[in-house]
């Protein structure tokens, strides 16, 4: 079983990455001067957890 401190650190890291996804989506939308970020912002936590949390793994991606 993993230590609680490790799980908290992992959760904080995933939250940081989700925030980066949000910032990246906002930056791209701003540069394009076009788009709607609602879906991007609301799905950032899900994407970070599934892909960076290694819930989903794809060959050649990680």
Protein backbone atom coordinates (compact mmCIF):
# COMPACT_ATOMS: atom_id res chain seq x y z
CA UNK A 1 0.00 0.00 0.00
CA UNK A 2 1.28 3.45 -0.86
CA UNK A 3 1.93 6.00 1.85
CA UNK A 4 -0.68 8.77 2.31
CA UNK A 5 2.01 11.42 1.75
CA UNK A 6 2.84 9.90 -1.62
CA UNK A 7 -0.82 9.94 -2.65
CA UNK A 8 -1.20 13.57 -1.60
CA UNK A 9 1.92 14.53 -3.54
CA UNK A 10 0.62 12.66 -6.60
CA UNK A 11 -2.77 14.39 -6.33
CA UNK A 12 -1.07 17.79 -6.07
CA UNK A 13 1.06 17.00 -9.13
CA UNK A 14 -2.01 15.99 -11.13
CA UNK A 15 -3.80 19.18 -10.06
CA UNK A 16 -0.81 21.21 -11.23
CA UNK A 17 -0.90 19.46 -14.60
CA UNK A 18 -4.68 20.03 -14.90
CA UNK A 19 -4.10 23.72 -14.27
CA UNK A 20 -1.43 23.70 -17.00
CA UNK A 21 -3.97 22.15 -19.41
CA UNK A 22 -6.41 24.95 -18.55
CA UNK A 23 -3.78 27.64 -19.05
CA UNK A 24 -2.70 26.09 -22.34
CA UNK A 25 -6.30 25.99 -23.59
CA UNK A 26 -6.83 29.63 -22.66
CA UNK A 27 -3.54 30.66 -24.31
CA UNK A 28 -4.36 28.87 -27.57
CA UNK A 29 -7.86 30.34 -27.65
CA UNK A 30 -6.50 33.81 -26.98
CA UNK A 31 -3.87 33.56 -29.72
CA UNK A 32 -6.44 32.27 -32.21
CA UNK A 33 -8.93 34.96 -31.13
CA UNK A 34 -11.55 32.31 -31.69
CA UNK A 35 -13.10 29.45 -29.76
CA UNK A 36 -14.93 28.44 -26.63
CA UNK A 37 -13.00 27.02 -23.68
CA UNK A 38 -15.91 25.63 -21.63
CA UNK A 39 -15.29 21.99 -22.49
CA UNK A 40 -11.53 22.33 -22.22
CA UNK A 41 -11.65 23.88 -18.78
CA UNK A 42 -14.20 21.46 -17.37
CA UNK A 43 -12.44 18.34 -18.67
CA UNK A 44 -8.88 19.26 -17.62
CA UNK A 45 -9.02 17.25 -14.35
CA UNK A 46 -10.40 14.21 -16.15
CA UNK A 47 -7.76 14.37 -18.90
CA UNK A 48 -4.91 14.83 -16.42
CA UNK A 49 -6.07 11.91 -14.29
CA UNK A 50 -6.71 9.52 -17.16
CA UNK A 51 -3.59 10.21 -19.20
CA UNK A 52 -1.01 11.49 -16.72
CA UNK A 53 -2.27 9.42 -13.81
CA UNK A 54 -1.63 6.37 -16.00
CA UNK A 55 -5.22 5.15 -15.81
CA UNK A 56 -5.15 4.95 -19.60
CA UNK A 57 -1.94 3.96 -21.25
CA UNK A 58 -1.14 4.19 -24.92
CA UNK A 59 1.94 2.76 -26.59
CA UNK A 60 4.47 5.37 -27.60
CA UNK A 61 2.77 8.21 -25.73
CA UNK A 62 4.49 7.94 -22.35
